[in-house]
Amino acid sequence: MVDAPDVKTRILDAAAQEFSREGFAGTKVDAIAKRAGVNKAGLYYHVGNKEKLYEAVLLHLFAQVAGTLEQAAAPETAPGAALGALTAALADLFTRLPVLPRIMALEMASGAVNMPQAALAEFRRIFAVTRGILARGQAAGLLVAAEPVFVHLTLVGSMIVYCLSEPLRLRFAAAGRDMGLDMERPVADMAAFLAQVMGRGLARTDGPGLLGGGGPCID
């Protein structure tokens, strides 16, 4: 007999796959049930209707994001290391959970009309990590004042676009090589580049700066 938690996990995984492919409006409950290997009655019993399924998927994903970022950029971490850890953690999340950037992009494109109010608590946790890094850097005299929303969305948005552009980049990889472009590098390399660019852009010019005088160029 399959334990109920295993069934629910299977349902959420199946729902995440379908929602990331079709969006909320285009996803069919029948398709989720088929992918999860359960009937519709079992799906409704373990999670609920389509709206409840979507809410459960988003909360599950965002809770993973919040927990991972909080651990990677803990308050005791130095601001310079924390910024790099934040971007590296985002890259790891997008690599391990390819449904995540796709669902986020679909939500943004749709105007977030299906975003559950319950997700607000996880968003607060996620943005609190970026705000904390900036606040610690400013208090230490390493960073200029900056809007946390701008910083966070620059990092997240850039990596979402990079992840979603992979099929296009791979299709034209050969042409890119002819131009001296490497279109096949992993998102982790993009994250390292973003951390360096953001760190230098936020560093105070009248002090040691976030990177302590600069680091190797990410090329």
Foldseek 3Di string as FASTA:
>chain_A
DDDLVVLLVLLLVLLLVQCLVQNLVGGDLCSSCVSSVHDSVSVCVSFRDSLRSVQVNLQVLLVVLLVQLCVQQPLVDQLLSSLLSNLLSLLVSCVVCVSVLSNVVSCVVVVVPSPDPVCVVSVCSNLVSQVSSQVNCVVVQWFDDDDSVVLVCVSNVVLSVLSVCLVVLVVCQVVQVVVVHHSPDGSSLVSNQSSQVVQVVGTDPVDCHSVRVHDDHSD
